[in-house]
Amino acid sequence: MILRLIALALLIYFAYRLIRRAADAFLPKPPQNPKAPDSQPIVPCKACGTFVPRDRALTDEHGDHYCSESCRDRLRQ
C-alpha cells in the first residue's frame, strides 16, 4: 500500500514537471536585461540650492543654473 502511494506521488510530481515545462515553452519570456529609463543629470539652483533636471533648469550667459525665473531675477538685483 505504501509503495502505491509513493509511486502515485512520483507520478504526480513528474506530471507536474512535464506540464510546467510545456507551459514555459509557450509562455512569452521577459527580457533578460530590461532597458533602464534614461536618467538626466540634475543641477543645483544657484540662488536657492534646489536640484532640478538640467533640461528644465534656466541657464544664464555665465552657465549658472536656476530653478525658476524668480530665483534668476533675485540674484541679478
PDB file of N, CA and C in Angstrom:
ATOM      1  N   MET A   1       0.822  -1.190   0.000  1.00  0.00           N
ATOM      2  CA  MET A   1       0.000   0.000   0.000  1.00  0.00           C
ATOM      3  C   MET A   1       0.871   1.261   0.000  1.00  0.00           C
ATOM      4  N   ILE A   2       1.905   1.280   0.818  1.00  0.00           N
ATOM      5  CA  ILE A   2       2.769   2.450   0.890  1.00  0.00           C
ATOM      6  C   ILE A   2       3.539   2.652  -0.411  1.00  0.00           C
ATOM      7  N   LEU A   3       3.891   1.534  -1.089  1.00  0.00           N
ATOM      8  CA  LEU A   3       4.598   1.644  -2.362  1.00  0.00           C
ATOM      9  C   LEU A   3       3.704   2.258  -3.430  1.00  0.00           C
ATOM     10  N   ARG A   4       2.425   1.949  -3.404  1.00  0.00           N
ATOM     11  CA  ARG A   4       1.490   2.551  -4.358  1.00  0.00           C
ATOM     12  C   ARG A   4       1.366   4.053  -4.105  1.00  0.00           C
ATOM     13  N   LEU A   5       1.373   4.438  -2.860  1.00  0.00           N
ATOM     14  CA  LEU A   5       1.289   5.850  -2.505  1.00  0.00           C
ATOM     15  C   LEU A   5       2.537   6.600  -2.968  1.00  0.00           C
ATOM     16  N   ILE A   6       3.697   6.008  -2.763  1.00  0.00           N
ATOM     17  CA  ILE A   6       4.950   6.623  -3.221  1.00  0.00           C
ATOM     18  C   ILE A   6       4.957   6.702  -4.744  1.00  0.00           C
ATOM     19  N   ALA A   7       4.537   5.655  -5.410  1.00  0.00           N
ATOM     20  CA  ALA A   7       4.501   5.639  -6.874  1.00  0.00           C
ATOM     21  C   ALA A   7       3.523   6.697  -7.390  1.00  0.00           C
ATOM     22  N   LEU A   8       2.382   6.850  -6.748  1.00  0.00           N
ATOM     23  CA  LEU A   8       1.413   7.866  -7.140  1.00  0.00           C
ATOM     24  C   LEU A   8       1.974   9.279  -6.938  1.00  0.00           C
ATOM     25  N   ALA A   9       2.668   9.476  -5.832  1.00  0.00           N
ATOM     26  CA  ALA A   9       3.276  10.780  -5.562  1.00  0.00           C
ATOM     27  C   ALA A   9       4.335  11.099  -6.613  1.00  0.00           C
ATOM     28  N   LEU A  10       5.161  10.130  -6.972  1.00  0.00           N
ATOM     29  CA  LEU A  10       6.171  10.347  -8.007  1.00  0.00           C
ATOM     30  C   LEU A  10       5.529  10.629  -9.361  1.00  0.00           C
ATOM     31  N   LEU A  11       4.460   9.906  -9.663  1.00  0.00           N
ATOM     32  CA  LEU A  11       3.758  10.123 -10.921  1.00  0.00           C
ATOM     33  C   LEU A  11       3.180  11.537 -10.996  1.00  0.00           C
ATOM     34  N   ILE A  12       2.587  11.983  -9.919  1.00  0.00           N
ATOM     35  CA  ILE A  12       2.031  13.337  -9.869  1.00  0.00           C
ATOM     36  C   ILE A  12       3.153  14.371  -9.999  1.00  0.00           C
ATOM     37  N   TYR A  13       4.268  14.137  -9.328  1.00  0.00           N
ATOM     38  CA  TYR A  13       5.395  15.063  -9.388  1.00  0.00           C
ATOM     39  C   TYR A  13       5.934  15.181 -10.809  1.00  0.00           C
ATOM     40  N   PHE A  14       6.157  14.065 -11.486  1.00  0.00           N
ATOM     41  CA  PHE A  14       6.702  14.109 -12.839  1.00  0.00           C
ATOM     42  C   PHE A  14       5.685  14.675 -13.838  1.00  0.00           C
ATOM     43  N   ALA A  15       4.411  14.428 -13.622  1.00  0.00           N
ATOM     44  CA  ALA A  15       3.385  15.020 -14.484  1.00  0.00           C
ATOM     45  C   ALA A  15       3.363  16.533 -14.317  1.00  0.00           C
ATOM     46  N   TYR A  16       3.506  16.987 -13.092  1.00  0.00           N
ATOM     47  CA  TYR A  16       3.562  18.428 -12.831  1.00  0.00           C
ATOM     48  C   TYR A  16       4.752  19.052 -13.537  1.00  0.00           C
ATOM     49  N   ARG A  17       5.921  18.441 -13.432  1.00  0.00           N
ATOM     50  CA  ARG A  17       7.127  18.980 -14.085  1.00  0.00           C
ATOM     51  C   ARG A  17       6.977  18.999 -15.595  1.00  0.00           C
ATOM     52  N   LEU A  18       6.381  17.970 -16.162  1.00  0.00           N
ATOM     53  CA  LEU A  18       6.180  17.896 -17.603  1.00  0.00           C
ATOM     54  C   LEU A  18       5.235  19.003 -18.072  1.00  0.00           C
ATOM     55  N   ILE A  19       4.136  19.188 -17.354  1.00  0.00           N
ATOM     56  CA  ILE A  19       3.178  20.245 -17.712  1.00  0.00           C
ATOM     57  C   ILE A  19       3.810  21.617 -17.540  1.00  0.00           C
ATOM     58  N   ARG A  20       4.568  21.788 -16.478  1.00  0.00           N
ATOM     59  CA  ARG A  20       5.228  23.078 -16.225  1.00  0.00           C
ATOM     60  C   ARG A  20       6.226  23.405 -17.326  1.00  0.00           C
ATOM     61  N   ARG A  21       7.013  22.430 -17.752  1.00  0.00           N
ATOM     62  CA  ARG A  21       7.994  22.647 -18.810  1.00  0.00           C
ATOM     63  C   ARG A  21       7.299  22.980 -20.128  1.00  0.00           C
ATOM     64  N   ALA A  22       6.189  22.293 -20.423  1.00  0.00           N
ATOM     65  CA  ALA A  22       5.443  22.571 -21.649  1.00  0.00           C
ATOM     66  C   ALA A  22       4.828  23.973 -21.601  1.00  0.00           C
ATOM     67  N   ALA A  23       4.332  24.377 -20.451  1.00  0.00           N
ATOM     68  CA  ALA A  23       3.747  25.712 -20.316  1.00  0.00           C
ATOM     69  C   ALA A  23       4.820  26.785 -20.468  1.00  0.00           C
ATOM     70  N   ASP A  24       6.005  26.563 -19.936  1.00  0.00           N
ATOM     71  CA  ASP A  24       7.093  27.538 -20.058  1.00  0.00           C
ATOM     72  C   ASP A  24       7.525  27.723 -21.503  1.00  0.00           C
ATOM     73  N   ALA A  25       7.404  26.679 -22.303  1.00  0.00           N
ATOM     74  CA  ALA A  25       7.797  26.776 -23.706  1.00  0.00           C
ATOM     75  C   ALA A  25       6.844  27.670 -24.487  1.00  0.00           C
ATOM     76  N   PHE A  26       5.573  27.728 -24.096  1.00  0.00           N
ATOM     77  CA  PHE A  26       4.594  28.511 -24.826  1.00  0.00           C
ATOM     78  C   PHE A  26       4.405  29.924 -24.286  1.00  0.00           C
ATOM     79  N   LEU A  27       4.761  30.160 -23.049  1.00  0.00           N
ATOM     80  CA  LEU A  27       4.586  31.488 -22.467  1.00  0.00           C
ATOM     81  C   LEU A  27       5.717  32.405 -22.910  1.00  0.00           C
ATOM     82  N   PRO A  28       5.421  33.695 -23.148  1.00  0.00           N
ATOM     83  CA  PRO A  28       6.492  34.622 -23.530  1.00  0.00           C
ATOM     84  C   PRO A  28       7.430  34.856 -22.355  1.00  0.00           C
ATOM     85  N   LYS A  29       8.704  34.947 -22.670  1.00  0.00           N
ATOM     86  CA  LYS A  29       9.704  35.150 -21.623  1.00  0.00           C
ATOM     87  C   LYS A  29       9.990  36.637 -21.484  1.00  0.00           C
ATOM     88  N   PRO A  30      10.163  37.121 -20.260  1.00  0.00           N
ATOM     89  CA  PRO A  30      10.509  38.535 -20.075  1.00  0.00           C
ATOM     90  C   PRO A  30      11.928  38.771 -20.576  1.00  0.00           C
ATOM     91  N   PRO A  31      12.230  39.993 -20.991  1.00  0.00           N
ATOM     92  CA  PRO A  31      13.585  40.277 -21.465  1.00  0.00           C
ATOM     93  C   PRO A  31      14.604  40.082 -20.345  1.00  0.00           C
ATOM     94  N   GLN A  32      15.771  39.605 -20.713  1.00  0.00           N
ATOM     95  CA  GLN A  32      16.811  39.320 -19.729  1.00  0.00           C
ATOM     96  C   GLN A  32      17.349  40.598 -19.088  1.00  0.00           C
ATOM     97  N   ASN A  33      17.611  41.601 -19.886  1.00  0.00           N
ATOM     98  CA  ASN A  33      18.135  42.866 -19.380  1.00  0.00           C
ATOM     99  C   ASN A  33      17.163  43.981 -19.747  1.00  0.00           C
ATOM    100  N   PRO A  34      16.178  44.240 -18.901  1.00  0.00           N
ATOM    101  CA  PRO A  34      15.245  45.309 -19.246  1.00  0.00           C
ATOM    102  C   PRO A  34      15.973  46.644 -19.319  1.00  0.00           C
ATOM    103  N   LYS A  35      15.618  47.435 -20.312  1.00  0.00           N
ATOM    104  CA  LYS A  35      16.284  48.723 -20.520  1.00  0.00           C
ATOM    105  C   LYS A  35      15.886  49.692 -19.409  1.00  0.00           C
ATOM    106  N   ALA A  36      16.867  50.247 -18.790  1.00  0.00           N
ATOM    107  CA  ALA A  36      16.628  51.218 -17.720  1.00  0.00           C
ATOM    108  C   ALA A  36      16.194  52.540 -18.346  1.00  0.00           C
ATOM    109  N   PRO A  37      15.311  53.259 -17.680  1.00  0.00           N
ATOM    110  CA  PRO A  37      14.916  54.555 -18.228  1.00  0.00           C
ATOM    111  C   PRO A  37      16.108  55.499 -18.244  1.00  0.00           C
ATOM    112  N   ASP A  38      16.147  56.332 -19.258  1.00  0.00           N
ATOM    113  CA  ASP A  38      17.248  57.283 -19.369  1.00  0.00           C
ATOM    114  C   ASP A  38      17.170  58.278 -18.225  1.00  0.00           C
ATOM    115  N   SER A  39      18.251  58.401 -17.505  1.00  0.00           N
ATOM    116  CA  SER A  39      18.276  59.343 -16.400  1.00  0.00           C
ATOM    117  C   SER A  39      18.920  60.642 -16.867  1.00  0.00           C
ATOM    118  N   GLN A  40      18.490  61.711 -16.266  1.00  0.00           N
ATOM    119  CA  GLN A  40      19.018  63.022 -16.619  1.00  0.00           C
ATOM    120  C   GLN A  40      19.827  63.545 -15.451  1.00  0.00           C
ATOM    121  N   PRO A  41      20.914  64.230 -15.738  1.00  0.00           N
ATOM    122  CA  PRO A  41      21.668  64.834 -14.643  1.00  0.00           C
ATOM    123  C   PRO A  41      20.861  65.977 -14.025  1.00  0.00           C
ATOM    124  N   ILE A  42      21.033  66.151 -12.737  1.00  0.00           N
ATOM    125  CA  ILE A  42      20.363  67.250 -12.056  1.00  0.00           C
ATOM    126  C   ILE A  42      21.402  68.268 -11.637  1.00  0.00           C
ATOM    127  N   VAL A  43      20.985  69.506 -11.599  1.00  0.00           N
ATOM    128  CA  VAL A  43      21.890  70.609 -11.257  1.00  0.00           C
ATOM    129  C   VAL A  43      21.252  71.425 -10.138  1.00  0.00           C
ATOM    130  N   PRO A  44      22.079  72.002  -9.262  1.00  0.00           N
ATOM    131  CA  PRO A  44      21.514  72.827  -8.185  1.00  0.00           C
ATOM    132  C   PRO A  44      21.256  74.251  -8.674  1.00  0.00           C
ATOM    133  N   CYS A  45      20.194  74.833  -8.147  1.00  0.00           N
ATOM    134  CA  CYS A  45      19.887  76.236  -8.423  1.00  0.00           C
ATOM    135  C   CYS A  45      20.918  77.082  -7.682  1.00  0.00           C
ATOM    136  N   LYS A  46      21.482  78.062  -8.375  1.00  0.00           N
ATOM    137  CA  LYS A  46      22.499  78.902  -7.749  1.00  0.00           C
ATOM    138  C   LYS A  46      21.914  79.778  -6.641  1.00  0.00           C
ATOM    139  N   ALA A  47      20.641  80.122  -6.736  1.00  0.00           N
ATOM    140  CA  ALA A  47      20.027  81.011  -5.752  1.00  0.00           C
ATOM    141  C   ALA A  47      19.552  80.274  -4.506  1.00  0.00           C
ATOM    142  N   CYS A  48      18.832  79.158  -4.684  1.00  0.00           N
ATOM    143  CA  CYS A  48      18.212  78.515  -3.517  1.00  0.00           C
ATOM    144  C   CYS A  48      18.741  77.109  -3.238  1.00  0.00           C
ATOM    145  N   GLY A  49      19.491  76.528  -4.174  1.00  0.00           N
ATOM    146  CA  GLY A  49      20.067  75.210  -3.954  1.00  0.00           C
ATOM    147  C   GLY A  49      19.158  74.042  -4.297  1.00  0.00           C
ATOM    148  N   THR A  50      17.962  74.327  -4.816  1.00  0.00           N
ATOM    149  CA  THR A  50      17.040  73.263  -5.210  1.00  0.00           C
ATOM    150  C   THR A  50      17.606  72.535  -6.427  1.00  0.00           C
ATOM    151  N   PHE A  51      17.546  71.211  -6.417  1.00  0.00           N
ATOM    152  CA  PHE A  51      18.036  70.443  -7.554  1.00  0.00           C
ATOM    153  C   PHE A  51      16.922  70.284  -8.582  1.00  0.00           C
ATOM    154  N   VAL A  52      17.247  70.551  -9.833  1.00  0.00           N
ATOM    155  CA  VAL A  52      16.295  70.427 -10.937  1.00  0.00           C
ATOM    156  C   VAL A  52      16.973  69.686 -12.087  1.00  0.00           C
ATOM    157  N   PRO A  53      16.191  68.981 -12.918  1.00  0.00           N
ATOM    158  CA  PRO A  53      16.790  68.346 -14.090  1.00  0.00           C
ATOM    159  C   PRO A  53      17.411  69.404 -15.004  1.00  0.00           C
ATOM    160  N   ARG A  54      18.529  69.059 -15.608  1.00  0.00           N
ATOM    161  CA  ARG A  54      19.261  70.039 -16.411  1.00  0.00           C
ATOM    162  C   ARG A  54      18.414  70.579 -17.560  1.00  0.00           C
ATOM    163  N   ASP A  55      17.564  69.747 -18.162  1.00  0.00           N
ATOM    164  CA  ASP A  55      16.775  70.231 -19.294  1.00  0.00           C
ATOM    165  C   ASP A  55      15.644  71.170 -18.872  1.00  0.00           C
ATOM    166  N   ARG A  56      15.288  71.201 -17.592  1.00  0.00           N
ATOM    167  CA  ARG A  56      14.247  72.111 -17.109  1.00  0.00           C
ATOM    168  C   ARG A  56      14.815  73.339 -16.414  1.00  0.00           C
ATOM    169  N   ALA A  57      16.114  73.349 -16.174  1.00  0.00           N
ATOM    170  CA  ALA A  57      16.736  74.474 -15.480  1.00  0.00           C
ATOM    171  C   ALA A  57      16.931  75.644 -16.436  1.00  0.00           C
ATOM    172  N   LEU A  58      16.845  76.833 -15.883  1.00  0.00           N
ATOM    173  CA  LEU A  58      17.143  78.041 -16.654  1.00  0.00           C
ATOM    174  C   LEU A  58      18.638  78.314 -16.515  1.00  0.00           C
ATOM    175  N   THR A  59      19.285  78.627 -17.622  1.00  0.00           N
ATOM    176  CA  THR A  59      20.729  78.860 -17.617  1.00  0.00           C
ATOM    177  C   THR A  59      20.997  80.278 -18.095  1.00  0.00           C
ATOM    178  N   ASP A  60      21.870  80.982 -17.382  1.00  0.00           N
ATOM    179  CA  ASP A  60      22.214  82.338 -17.816  1.00  0.00           C
ATOM    180  C   ASP A  60      23.457  82.313 -18.704  1.00  0.00           C
ATOM    181  N   GLU A  61      23.915  83.503 -19.086  1.00  0.00           N
ATOM    182  CA  GLU A  61      25.053  83.603 -20.013  1.00  0.00           C
ATOM    183  C   GLU A  61      26.367  83.116 -19.400  1.00  0.00           C
ATOM    184  N   HIS A  62      26.430  83.010 -18.081  1.00  0.00           N
ATOM    185  CA  HIS A  62      27.639  82.523 -17.400  1.00  0.00           C
ATOM    186  C   HIS A  62      27.615  81.008 -17.180  1.00  0.00           C
ATOM    187  N   GLY A  63      26.502  80.371 -17.531  1.00  0.00           N
ATOM    188  CA  GLY A  63      26.389  78.926 -17.354  1.00  0.00           C
ATOM    189  C   GLY A  63      25.829  78.517 -16.002  1.00  0.00           C
ATOM    190  N   ASP A  64      25.366  79.482 -15.214  1.00  0.00           N
ATOM    191  CA  ASP A  64      24.758  79.168 -13.915  1.00  0.00           C
ATOM    192  C   ASP A  64      23.326  78.686 -14.129  1.00  0.00           C
ATOM    193  N   HIS A  65      22.884  77.753 -13.295  1.00  0.00           N
ATOM    194  CA  HIS A  65      21.559  77.157 -13.419  1.00  0.00           C
ATOM    195  C   HIS A  65      20.636  77.699 -12.333  1.00  0.00           C
ATOM    196  N   TYR A  66      19.354  77.864 -12.712  1.00  0.00           N
ATOM    197  CA  TYR A  66      18.339  78.365 -11.797  1.00  0.00           C
ATOM    198  C   TYR A  66      17.089  77.514 -11.930  1.00  0.00           C
ATOM    199  N   CYS A  67      16.344  77.364 -10.833  1.00  0.00           N
ATOM    200  CA  CYS A  67      15.133  76.548 -10.857  1.00  0.00           C
ATOM    201  C   CYS A  67      13.937  77.320 -11.409  1.00  0.00           C
ATOM    202  N   SER A  68      13.961  78.647 -11.305  1.00  0.00           N
ATOM    203  CA  SER A  68      12.828  79.454 -11.775  1.00  0.00           C
ATOM    204  C   SER A  68      13.307  80.839 -12.157  1.00  0.00           C
ATOM    205  N   GLU A  69      12.415  81.580 -12.797  1.00  0.00           N
ATOM    206  CA  GLU A  69      12.750  82.951 -13.183  1.00  0.00           C
ATOM    207  C   GLU A  69      12.913  83.832 -11.947  1.00  0.00           C
ATOM    208  N   SER A  70      12.135  83.561 -10.899  1.00  0.00           N
ATOM    209  CA  SER A  70      12.231  84.402  -9.707  1.00  0.00           C
ATOM    210  C   SER A  70      13.606  84.223  -9.030  1.00  0.00           C
ATOM    211  N   CYS A  71      14.157  83.010  -9.015  1.00  0.00           N
ATOM    212  CA  CYS A  71      15.490  82.819  -8.455  1.00  0.00           C
ATOM    213  C   CYS A  71      16.542  83.498  -9.330  1.00  0.00           C
ATOM    214  N   ARG A  72      16.371  83.393 -10.625  1.00  0.00           N
ATOM    215  CA  ARG A  72      17.325  84.053 -11.524  1.00  0.00           C
ATOM    216  C   ARG A  72      17.289  85.551 -11.346  1.00  0.00           C
ATOM    217  N   ASP A  73      16.076  86.142 -11.253  1.00  0.00           N
ATOM    218  CA  ASP A  73      15.950  87.569 -11.093  1.00  0.00           C
ATOM    219  C   ASP A  73      16.429  88.046  -9.728  1.00  0.00           C
ATOM    220  N   ARG A  74      16.298  87.202  -8.698  1.00  0.00           N
ATOM    221  CA  ARG A  74      16.728  87.578  -7.352  1.00  0.00           C
ATOM    222  C   ARG A  74      18.239  87.812  -7.316  1.00  0.00           C
ATOM    223  N   LEU A  75      19.023  87.020  -8.021  1.00  0.00           N
ATOM    224  CA  LEU A  75      20.471  87.188  -8.000  1.00  0.00           C
ATOM    225  C   LEU A  75      20.933  88.282  -8.965  1.00  0.00           C
ATOM    226  N   ARG A  76      20.132  88.647  -9.927  1.00  0.00           N
ATOM    227  CA  ARG A  76      20.501  89.722 -10.855  1.00  0.00           C
ATOM    228  C   ARG A  76      20.434  91.081 -10.178  1.00  0.00           C
ATOM    229  N   GLN A  77      19.620  91.198  -9.145  1.00  0.00           N
ATOM    230  CA  GLN A  77      19.436  92.509  -8.497  1.00  0.00           C
ATOM    231  C   GLN A  77      20.580  92.859  -7.614  1.00  0.00           C
TER     232      GLN A  77
END
